């Protein structure tokens, strides 16, 4: 049976927020029917914890200074940049 993919996006909460990470994402990840991802914008990198695939959305200043701004401007999160975050997730998941 194919797993249902669930992705929770947050640009305002810590990756280990009790409500989001523990009560929602970790609980869902214990069910074999769900593949759970959490997308955060905290600059702490990617990891898998409690069965949850945690993905860091790049924040301003996190990308290399060697990269020209015109190449990275669409890859950074601004305050309130949830639309860019959703677009980034869709690209990463190759959803068209």
PDB file of N, CA and C in Angstrom:
ATOM      1  N   UNK A   1       0.841  -1.188   0.000  1.00  0.00           N
ATOM      2  CA  UNK A   1       0.000   0.000   0.000  1.00  0.00           C
ATOM      3  C   UNK A   1       0.885   1.251   0.000  1.00  0.00           C
ATOM      4  N   UNK A   2       0.549   2.212  -0.825  1.00  0.00           N
ATOM      5  CA  UNK A   2       1.319   3.456  -0.941  1.00  0.00           C
ATOM      6  C   UNK A   2       1.061   4.341   0.272  1.00  0.00           C
ATOM      7  N   UNK A   3       2.141   4.921   0.808  1.00  0.00           N
ATOM      8  CA  UNK A   3       2.019   5.823   1.949  1.00  0.00           C
ATOM      9  C   UNK A   3       1.501   7.186   1.511  1.00  0.00           C
ATOM     10  N   UNK A   4       0.690   7.782   2.360  1.00  0.00           N
ATOM     11  CA  UNK A   4       0.240   9.152   2.154  1.00  0.00           C
ATOM     12  C   UNK A   4       1.348  10.082   2.642  1.00  0.00           C
ATOM     13  N   UNK A   5       1.701  11.074   1.827  1.00  0.00           N
ATOM     14  CA  UNK A   5       2.749  12.019   2.203  1.00  0.00           C
ATOM     15  C   UNK A   5       2.114  13.239   2.850  1.00  0.00           C
ATOM     16  N   UNK A   6       2.631  13.582   4.010  1.00  0.00           N
ATOM     17  CA  UNK A   6       2.160  14.755   4.741  1.00  0.00           C
ATOM     18  C   UNK A   6       3.356  15.663   4.992  1.00  0.00           C
ATOM     19  N   UNK A   7       3.216  16.937   4.621  1.00  0.00           N
ATOM     20  CA  UNK A   7       4.276  17.910   4.866  1.00  0.00           C
ATOM     21  C   UNK A   7       3.705  19.084   5.631  1.00  0.00           C
ATOM     22  N   UNK A   8       4.333  19.387   6.752  1.00  0.00           N
ATOM     23  CA  UNK A   8       3.933  20.542   7.568  1.00  0.00           C
ATOM     24  C   UNK A   8       4.971  21.631   7.323  1.00  0.00           C
ATOM     25  N   UNK A   9       4.524  22.830   6.969  1.00  0.00           N
ATOM     26  CA  UNK A   9       5.409  23.967   6.728  1.00  0.00           C
ATOM     27  C   UNK A   9       5.298  24.966   7.866  1.00  0.00           C
ATOM     28  N   UNK A  10       6.444  25.443   8.345  1.00  0.00           N
ATOM     29  CA  UNK A  10       6.415  26.516   9.335  1.00  0.00           C
ATOM     30  C   UNK A  10       7.624  27.420   9.135  1.00  0.00           C
ATOM     31  N   UNK A  11       7.379  28.702   9.201  1.00  0.00           N
ATOM     32  CA  UNK A  11       8.484  29.663   9.133  1.00  0.00           C
ATOM     33  C   UNK A  11       8.598  30.428  10.446  1.00  0.00           C
ATOM     34  N   UNK A  12       7.763  30.078  11.419  1.00  0.00           N
ATOM     35  CA  UNK A  12       7.720  30.839  12.666  1.00  0.00           C
ATOM     36  C   UNK A  12       7.976  29.998  13.913  1.00  0.00           C
ATOM     37  N   UNK A  13       8.093  28.679  13.765  1.00  0.00           N
ATOM     38  CA  UNK A  13       8.254  27.819  14.938  1.00  0.00           C
ATOM     39  C   UNK A  13       9.596  27.102  14.907  1.00  0.00           C
ATOM     40  N   UNK A  14      10.090  26.776  16.095  1.00  0.00           N
ATOM     41  CA  UNK A  14      11.283  25.960  16.239  1.00  0.00           C
ATOM     42  C   UNK A  14      10.987  24.561  15.705  1.00  0.00           C
ATOM     43  N   UNK A  15      12.004  23.888  15.168  1.00  0.00           N
ATOM     44  CA  UNK A  15      11.782  22.553  14.602  1.00  0.00           C
ATOM     45  C   UNK A  15      11.286  21.539  15.625  1.00  0.00           C
ATOM     46  N   UNK A  16      11.568  21.732  16.895  1.00  0.00           N
ATOM     47  CA  UNK A  16      11.108  20.793  17.927  1.00  0.00           C
ATOM     48  C   UNK A  16       9.928  21.342  18.724  1.00  0.00           C
ATOM     49  N   UNK A  17       9.192  22.263  18.157  1.00  0.00           N
ATOM     50  CA  UNK A  17       8.001  22.813  18.809  1.00  0.00           C
ATOM     51  C   UNK A  17       7.099  21.662  19.252  1.00  0.00           C
ATOM     52  N   UNK A  18       6.663  21.708  20.499  1.00  0.00           N
ATOM     53  CA  UNK A  18       5.871  20.621  21.070  1.00  0.00           C
ATOM     54  C   UNK A  18       4.602  20.341  20.277  1.00  0.00           C
ATOM     55  N   UNK A  19       3.891  21.377  19.908  1.00  0.00           N
ATOM     56  CA  UNK A  19       2.623  21.172  19.189  1.00  0.00           C
ATOM     57  C   UNK A  19       2.841  20.614  17.794  1.00  0.00           C
ATOM     58  N   UNK A  20       3.803  21.178  17.080  1.00  0.00           N
ATOM     59  CA  UNK A  20       3.993  20.791  15.681  1.00  0.00           C
ATOM     60  C   UNK A  20       4.808  19.502  15.561  1.00  0.00           C
ATOM     61  N   UNK A  21       6.004  19.496  16.125  1.00  0.00           N
ATOM     62  CA  UNK A  21       6.886  18.348  15.939  1.00  0.00           C
ATOM     63  C   UNK A  21       6.415  17.116  16.723  1.00  0.00           C
ATOM     64  N   UNK A  22       6.171  17.284  18.010  1.00  0.00           N
ATOM     65  CA  UNK A  22       5.822  16.118  18.818  1.00  0.00           C
ATOM     66  C   UNK A  22       4.367  15.675  18.654  1.00  0.00           C
ATOM     67  N   UNK A  23       3.443  16.592  18.879  1.00  0.00           N
ATOM     68  CA  UNK A  23       2.032  16.196  18.876  1.00  0.00           C
ATOM     69  C   UNK A  23       1.490  15.898  17.483  1.00  0.00           C
ATOM     70  N   UNK A  24       1.965  16.583  16.473  1.00  0.00           N
ATOM     71  CA  UNK A  24       1.422  16.367  15.126  1.00  0.00           C
ATOM     72  C   UNK A  24       2.330  15.453  14.297  1.00  0.00           C
ATOM     73  N   UNK A  25       3.513  15.925  13.971  1.00  0.00           N
ATOM     74  CA  UNK A  25       4.367  15.204  13.030  1.00  0.00           C
ATOM     75  C   UNK A  25       4.851  13.854  13.566  1.00  0.00           C
ATOM     76  N   UNK A  26       5.392  13.843  14.776  1.00  0.00           N
ATOM     77  CA  UNK A  26       5.904  12.582  15.334  1.00  0.00           C
ATOM     78  C   UNK A  26       4.790  11.560  15.529  1.00  0.00           C
ATOM     79  N   UNK A  27       3.625  12.023  15.967  1.00  0.00           N
ATOM     80  CA  UNK A  27       2.488  11.111  16.140  1.00  0.00           C
ATOM     81  C   UNK A  27       2.078  10.483  14.818  1.00  0.00           C
ATOM     82  N   UNK A  28       1.983  11.297  13.773  1.00  0.00           N
ATOM     83  CA  UNK A  28       1.614  10.778  12.452  1.00  0.00           C
ATOM     84  C   UNK A  28       2.675   9.819  11.912  1.00  0.00           C
ATOM     85  N   UNK A  29       3.946  10.104  12.199  1.00  0.00           N
ATOM     86  CA  UNK A  29       5.042   9.277  11.687  1.00  0.00           C
ATOM     87  C   UNK A  29       5.047   7.875  12.296  1.00  0.00           C
ATOM     88  N   UNK A  30       4.398   7.688  13.429  1.00  0.00           N
ATOM     89  CA  UNK A  30       4.331   6.351  14.030  1.00  0.00           C
ATOM     90  C   UNK A  30       3.379   5.440  13.269  1.00  0.00           C
ATOM     91  N   UNK A  31       2.513   5.998  12.455  1.00  0.00           N
ATOM     92  CA  UNK A  31       1.580   5.215  11.640  1.00  0.00           C
ATOM     93  C   UNK A  31       2.274   4.819  10.344  1.00  0.00           C
ATOM     94  N   UNK A  32       2.170   3.572   9.970  1.00  0.00           N
ATOM     95  CA  UNK A  32       2.824   3.090   8.755  1.00  0.00           C
ATOM     96  C   UNK A  32       2.200   3.658   7.482  1.00  0.00           C
ATOM     97  N   UNK A  33       1.019   4.238   7.588  1.00  0.00           N
ATOM     98  CA  UNK A  33       0.320   4.767   6.416  1.00  0.00           C
ATOM     99  C   UNK A  33       0.814   6.143   5.984  1.00  0.00           C
ATOM    100  N   UNK A  34       1.671   6.791   6.800  1.00  0.00           N
ATOM    101  CA  UNK A  34       2.076   8.164   6.515  1.00  0.00           C
ATOM    102  C   UNK A  34       3.588   8.323   6.409  1.00  0.00           C
ATOM    103  N   UNK A  35       4.012   9.125   5.424  1.00  0.00           N
ATOM    104  CA  UNK A  35       5.392   9.573   5.295  1.00  0.00           C
ATOM    105  C   UNK A  35       5.361  11.060   5.634  1.00  0.00           C
ATOM    106  N   UNK A  36       5.997  11.436   6.752  1.00  0.00           N
ATOM    107  CA  UNK A  36       5.838  12.791   7.287  1.00  0.00           C
ATOM    108  C   UNK A  36       7.115  13.607   7.123  1.00  0.00           C
ATOM    109  N   UNK A  37       6.935  14.831   6.620  1.00  0.00           N
ATOM    110  CA  UNK A  37       8.030  15.786   6.497  1.00  0.00           C
ATOM    111  C   UNK A  37       7.647  17.074   7.223  1.00  0.00           C
ATOM    112  N   UNK A  38       8.665  17.729   7.754  1.00  0.00           N
ATOM    113  CA  UNK A  38       8.489  19.031   8.398  1.00  0.00           C
ATOM    114  C   UNK A  38       9.475  19.982   7.743  1.00  0.00           C
ATOM    115  N   UNK A  39       8.983  21.092   7.216  1.00  0.00           N
ATOM    116  CA  UNK A  39       9.856  22.090   6.595  1.00  0.00           C
ATOM    117  C   UNK A  39       9.921  23.295   7.522  1.00  0.00           C
ATOM    118  N   UNK A  40      11.146  23.621   7.945  1.00  0.00           N
ATOM    119  CA  UNK A  40      11.381  24.731   8.869  1.00  0.00           C
ATOM    120  C   UNK A  40      12.351  25.724   8.228  1.00  0.00           C
ATOM    121  N   UNK A  41      12.434  26.898   8.782  1.00  0.00           N
ATOM    122  CA  UNK A  41      13.373  27.914   8.292  1.00  0.00           C
ATOM    123  C   UNK A  41      14.205  28.392   9.470  1.00  0.00           C
ATOM    124  N   UNK A  42      15.059  27.479   9.985  1.00  0.00           N
ATOM    125  CA  UNK A  42      15.831  27.831  11.180  1.00  0.00           C
ATOM    126  C   UNK A  42      17.340  27.776  10.979  1.00  0.00           C
ATOM    127  N   UNK A  43      17.799  27.395   9.790  1.00  0.00           N
ATOM    128  CA  UNK A  43      19.229  27.384   9.511  1.00  0.00           C
ATOM    129  C   UNK A  43      20.000  26.250  10.163  1.00  0.00           C
ATOM    130  N   UNK A  44      19.315  25.227  10.675  1.00  0.00           N
ATOM    131  CA  UNK A  44      19.989  24.141  11.389  1.00  0.00           C
ATOM    132  C   UNK A  44      20.214  22.892  10.534  1.00  0.00           C
ATOM    133  N   UNK A  45      19.933  22.964   9.233  1.00  0.00           N
ATOM    134  CA  UNK A  45      20.185  21.824   8.360  1.00  0.00           C
ATOM    135  C   UNK A  45      19.055  20.804   8.364  1.00  0.00           C
ATOM    136  N   UNK A  46      19.251  19.751   7.572  1.00  0.00           N
ATOM    137  CA  UNK A  46      18.253  18.690   7.442  1.00  0.00           C
ATOM    138  C   UNK A  46      18.577  17.549   8.399  1.00  0.00           C
ATOM    139  N   UNK A  47      17.549  16.819   8.802  1.00  0.00           N
ATOM    140  CA  UNK A  47      17.751  15.645   9.648  1.00  0.00           C
ATOM    141  C   UNK A  47      16.482  14.795   9.655  1.00  0.00           C
ATOM    142  N   UNK A  48      16.609  13.590  10.147  1.00  0.00           N
ATOM    143  CA  UNK A  48      15.449  12.733  10.375  1.00  0.00           C
ATOM    144  C   UNK A  48      15.416  12.429  11.862  1.00  0.00           C
ATOM    145  N   UNK A  49      14.288  12.705  12.495  1.00  0.00           N
ATOM    146  CA  UNK A  49      14.138  12.476  13.933  1.00  0.00           C
ATOM    147  C   UNK A  49      12.721  11.988  14.196  1.00  0.00           C
ATOM    148  N   UNK A  50      12.597  10.965  15.008  1.00  0.00           N
ATOM    149  CA  UNK A  50      11.300  10.366  15.342  1.00  0.00           C
ATOM    150  C   UNK A  50      10.534   9.941  14.088  1.00  0.00           C
ATOM    151  N   UNK A  51      11.261   9.588  13.040  1.00  0.00           N
ATOM    152  CA  UNK A  51      10.623   9.182  11.801  1.00  0.00           C
ATOM    153  C   UNK A  51      10.134  10.330  10.935  1.00  0.00           C
ATOM    154  N   UNK A  52      10.433  11.559  11.354  1.00  0.00           N
ATOM    155  CA  UNK A  52      10.016  12.753  10.616  1.00  0.00           C
ATOM    156  C   UNK A  52      11.214  13.279   9.822  1.00  0.00           C
ATOM    157  N   UNK A  53      11.022  13.483   8.528  1.00  0.00           N
ATOM    158  CA  UNK A  53      12.064  14.039   7.665  1.00  0.00           C
ATOM    159  C   UNK A  53      12.003  15.560   7.799  1.00  0.00           C
ATOM    160  N   UNK A  54      12.972  16.126   8.517  1.00  0.00           N
ATOM    161  CA  UNK A  54      13.000  17.570   8.754  1.00  0.00           C
ATOM    162  C   UNK A  54      13.892  18.215   7.700  1.00  0.00           C
ATOM    163  N   UNK A  55      13.321  19.173   6.969  1.00  0.00           N
ATOM    164  CA  UNK A  55      14.036  19.870   5.897  1.00  0.00           C
ATOM    165  C   UNK A  55      14.167  21.343   6.242  1.00  0.00           C
ATOM    166  N   UNK A  56      15.390  21.857   6.119  1.00  0.00           N
ATOM    167  CA  UNK A  56      15.621  23.269   6.374  1.00  0.00           C
ATOM    168  C   UNK A  56      15.433  24.059   5.088  1.00  0.00           C
ATOM    169  N   UNK A  57      14.559  25.041   5.125  1.00  0.00           N
ATOM    170  CA  UNK A  57      14.377  25.958   4.001  1.00  0.00           C
ATOM    171  C   UNK A  57      15.412  27.057   4.162  1.00  0.00           C
ATOM    172  N   UNK A  58      16.232  27.324   3.142  1.00  0.00           N
ATOM    173  CA  UNK A  58      17.300  28.321   3.277  1.00  0.00           C
ATOM    174  C   UNK A  58      16.776  29.699   3.682  1.00  0.00           C
ATOM    175  N   UNK A  59      17.476  30.307   4.618  1.00  0.00           N
ATOM    176  CA  UNK A  59      17.130  31.661   5.040  1.00  0.00           C
ATOM    177  C   UNK A  59      18.195  32.623   4.538  1.00  0.00           C
ATOM    178  N   UNK A  60      17.832  33.874   4.434  1.00  0.00           N
ATOM    179  CA  UNK A  60      18.734  34.899   3.937  1.00  0.00           C
ATOM    180  C   UNK A  60      20.053  34.871   4.708  1.00  0.00           C
ATOM    181  N   UNK A  61      21.160  34.848   3.997  1.00  0.00           N
ATOM    182  CA  UNK A  61      22.477  34.836   4.624  1.00  0.00           C
ATOM    183  C   UNK A  61      23.014  33.439   4.843  1.00  0.00           C
ATOM    184  N   UNK A  62      22.186  32.406   4.621  1.00  0.00           N
ATOM    185  CA  UNK A  62      22.633  31.039   4.867  1.00  0.00           C
ATOM    186  C   UNK A  62      23.369  30.442   3.658  1.00  0.00           C
ATOM    187  N   UNK A  63      23.062  30.953   2.476  1.00  0.00           N
ATOM    188  CA  UNK A  63      23.698  30.439   1.275  1.00  0.00           C
ATOM    189  C   UNK A  63      25.069  31.068   1.091  1.00  0.00           C
ATOM    190  N   UNK A  64      25.923  30.405   0.358  1.00  0.00           N
ATOM    191  CA  UNK A  64      27.295  30.852   0.147  1.00  0.00           C
ATOM    192  C   UNK A  64      27.354  32.248  -0.473  1.00  0.00           C
ATOM    193  N   UNK A  65      28.296  33.061   0.001  1.00  0.00           N
ATOM    194  CA  UNK A  65      28.491  34.393  -0.565  1.00  0.00           C
ATOM    195  C   UNK A  65      29.088  34.320  -1.962  1.00  0.00           C
ATOM    196  N   UNK A  66      29.615  33.141  -2.343  1.00  0.00           N
ATOM    197  CA  UNK A  66      30.204  32.968  -3.659  1.00  0.00           C
ATOM    198  C   UNK A  66      29.130  32.872  -4.742  1.00  0.00           C
ATOM    199  N   UNK A  67      27.904  32.578  -4.337  1.00  0.00           N
ATOM    200  CA  UNK A  67      26.807  32.463  -5.288  1.00  0.00           C
ATOM    201  C   UNK A  67      26.252  33.852  -5.569  1.00  0.00           C
ATOM    202  N   UNK A  68      26.104  34.179  -6.837  1.00  0.00           N
ATOM    203  CA  UNK A  68      25.560  35.485  -7.207  1.00  0.00           C
ATOM    204  C   UNK A  68      24.117  35.617  -6.709  1.00  0.00           C
ATOM    205  N   UNK A  69      23.745  36.816  -6.266  1.00  0.00           N
ATOM    206  CA  UNK A  69      22.408  37.052  -5.732  1.00  0.00           C
ATOM    207  C   UNK A  69      21.318  36.647  -6.730  1.00  0.00           C
ATOM    208  N   UNK A  70      21.529  36.925  -8.014  1.00  0.00           N
ATOM    209  CA  UNK A  70      20.509  36.606  -9.018  1.00  0.00           C
ATOM    210  C   UNK A  70      20.263  35.105  -9.097  1.00  0.00           C
ATOM    211  N   UNK A  71      21.234  34.287  -8.673  1.00  0.00           N
ATOM    212  CA  UNK A  71      21.068  32.834  -8.696  1.00  0.00           C
ATOM    213  C   UNK A  71      20.409  32.300  -7.424  1.00  0.00           C
ATOM    214  N   UNK A  72      20.467  33.033  -6.329  1.00  0.00           N
ATOM    215  CA  UNK A  72      19.923  32.515  -5.081  1.00  0.00           C
ATOM    216  C   UNK A  72      18.704  33.275  -4.563  1.00  0.00           C
ATOM    217  N   UNK A  73      18.330  34.363  -5.222  1.00  0.00           N
ATOM    218  CA  UNK A  73      17.234  35.188  -4.700  1.00  0.00           C
ATOM    219  C   UNK A  73      15.919  34.434  -4.590  1.00  0.00           C
ATOM    220  N   UNK A  74      15.700  33.426  -5.442  1.00  0.00           N
ATOM    221  CA  UNK A  74      14.463  32.664  -5.376  1.00  0.00           C
ATOM    222  C   UNK A  74      14.561  31.473  -4.430  1.00  0.00           C
ATOM    223  N   UNK A  75      15.688  31.307  -3.764  1.00  0.00           N
ATOM    224  CA  UNK A  75      15.891  30.170  -2.881  1.00  0.00           C
ATOM    225  C   UNK A  75      15.961  30.572  -1.406  1.00  0.00           C
ATOM    226  N   UNK A  76      15.662  31.807  -1.098  1.00  0.00           N
ATOM    227  CA  UNK A  76      15.767  32.244   0.289  1.00  0.00           C
ATOM    228  C   UNK A  76      14.408  32.613   0.853  1.00  0.00           C
ATOM    229  N   UNK A  77      14.307  32.487   2.152  1.00  0.00           N
ATOM    230  CA  UNK A  77      13.049  32.780   2.842  1.00  0.00           C
ATOM    231  C   UNK A  77      13.123  34.175   3.457  1.00  0.00           C
ATOM    232  N   UNK A  78      12.144  34.953   3.197  1.00  0.00           N
ATOM    233  CA  UNK A  78      12.021  36.260   3.818  1.00  0.00           C
ATOM    234  C   UNK A  78      10.951  36.158   4.891  1.00  0.00           C
ATOM    235  N   UNK A  79      10.889  37.110   5.784  1.00  0.00           N
ATOM    236  CA  UNK A  79       9.828  37.127   6.775  1.00  0.00           C
ATOM    237  C   UNK A  79       8.499  37.127   6.031  1.00  0.00           C
ATOM    238  N   UNK A  80       7.649  36.194   6.361  1.00  0.00           N
ATOM    239  CA  UNK A  80       6.369  36.085   5.678  1.00  0.00           C
ATOM    240  C   UNK A  80       6.474  35.431   4.315  1.00  0.00           C
ATOM    241  N   UNK A  81       7.582  34.753   4.036  1.00  0.00           N
ATOM    242  CA  UNK A  81       7.803  34.157   2.720  1.00  0.00           C
ATOM    243  C   UNK A  81       7.223  32.770   2.559  1.00  0.00           C
ATOM    244  N   UNK A  82       6.039  32.536   3.060  1.00  0.00           N
ATOM    245  CA  UNK A  82       5.444  31.204   3.002  1.00  0.00           C
ATOM    246  C   UNK A  82       5.157  30.764   1.570  1.00  0.00           C
ATOM    247  N   UNK A  83       4.856  31.697   0.678  1.00  0.00           N
ATOM    248  CA  UNK A  83       4.601  31.328  -0.724  1.00  0.00           C
ATOM    249  C   UNK A  83       5.866  30.750  -1.349  1.00  0.00           C
ATOM    250  N   UNK A  84       7.007  31.392  -1.142  1.00  0.00           N
ATOM    251  CA  UNK A  84       8.281  30.875  -1.650  1.00  0.00           C
ATOM    252  C   UNK A  84       8.593  29.522  -1.021  1.00  0.00           C
ATOM    253  N   UNK A  85       8.247  29.367   0.246  1.00  0.00           N
ATOM    254  CA  UNK A  85       8.489  28.109   0.940  1.00  0.00           C
ATOM    255  C   UNK A  85       7.677  26.977   0.294  1.00  0.00           C
ATOM    256  N   UNK A  86       6.435  27.259  -0.048  1.00  0.00           N
ATOM    257  CA  UNK A  86       5.585  26.256  -0.700  1.00  0.00           C
ATOM    258  C   UNK A  86       6.142  25.917  -2.082  1.00  0.00           C
ATOM    259  N   UNK A  87       6.530  26.921  -2.841  1.00  0.00           N
ATOM    260  CA  UNK A  87       7.111  26.677  -4.164  1.00  0.00           C
ATOM    261  C   UNK A  87       8.364  25.820  -4.057  1.00  0.00           C
ATOM    262  N   UNK A  88       9.206  26.103  -3.066  1.00  0.00           N
ATOM    263  CA  UNK A  88      10.434  25.345  -2.845  1.00  0.00           C
ATOM    264  C   UNK A  88      10.115  23.894  -2.530  1.00  0.00           C
ATOM    265  N   UNK A  89       9.121  23.673  -1.697  1.00  0.00           N
ATOM    266  CA  UNK A  89       8.714  22.307  -1.341  1.00  0.00           C
ATOM    267  C   UNK A  89       8.206  21.550  -2.556  1.00  0.00           C
ATOM    268  N   UNK A  90       7.408  22.204  -3.358  1.00  0.00           N
ATOM    269  CA  UNK A  90       6.870  21.561  -4.552  1.00  0.00           C
ATOM    270  C   UNK A  90       7.980  21.183  -5.529  1.00  0.00           C
ATOM    271  N   UNK A  91       8.967  22.055  -5.671  1.00  0.00           N
ATOM    272  CA  UNK A  91      10.115  21.750  -6.542  1.00  0.00           C
ATOM    273  C   UNK A  91      10.902  20.583  -5.985  1.00  0.00           C
ATOM    274  N   UNK A  92      11.142  20.587  -4.686  1.00  0.00           N
ATOM    275  CA  UNK A  92      11.921  19.530  -4.050  1.00  0.00           C
ATOM    276  C   UNK A  92      11.236  18.180  -4.195  1.00  0.00           C
ATOM    277  N   UNK A  93       9.921  18.188  -4.117  1.00  0.00           N
ATOM    278  CA  UNK A  93       9.146  16.951  -4.238  1.00  0.00           C
ATOM    279  C   UNK A  93       8.813  16.628  -5.680  1.00  0.00           C
ATOM    280  N   UNK A  94       9.251  17.474  -6.591  1.00  0.00           N
ATOM    281  CA  UNK A  94       8.991  17.312  -8.020  1.00  0.00           C
ATOM    282  C   UNK A  94       7.508  17.221  -8.330  1.00  0.00           C
ATOM    283  N   UNK A  95       6.707  18.027  -7.622  1.00  0.00           N
ATOM    284  CA  UNK A  95       5.273  18.094  -7.870  1.00  0.00           C
ATOM    285  C   UNK A  95       5.027  19.157  -8.916  1.00  0.00           C
ATOM    286  N   UNK A  96       4.273  18.849  -9.914  1.00  0.00           N
ATOM    287  CA  UNK A  96       3.987  19.797 -10.991  1.00  0.00           C
ATOM    288  C   UNK A  96       2.554  20.263 -10.906  1.00  0.00           C
TER     289      UNK A  96
END
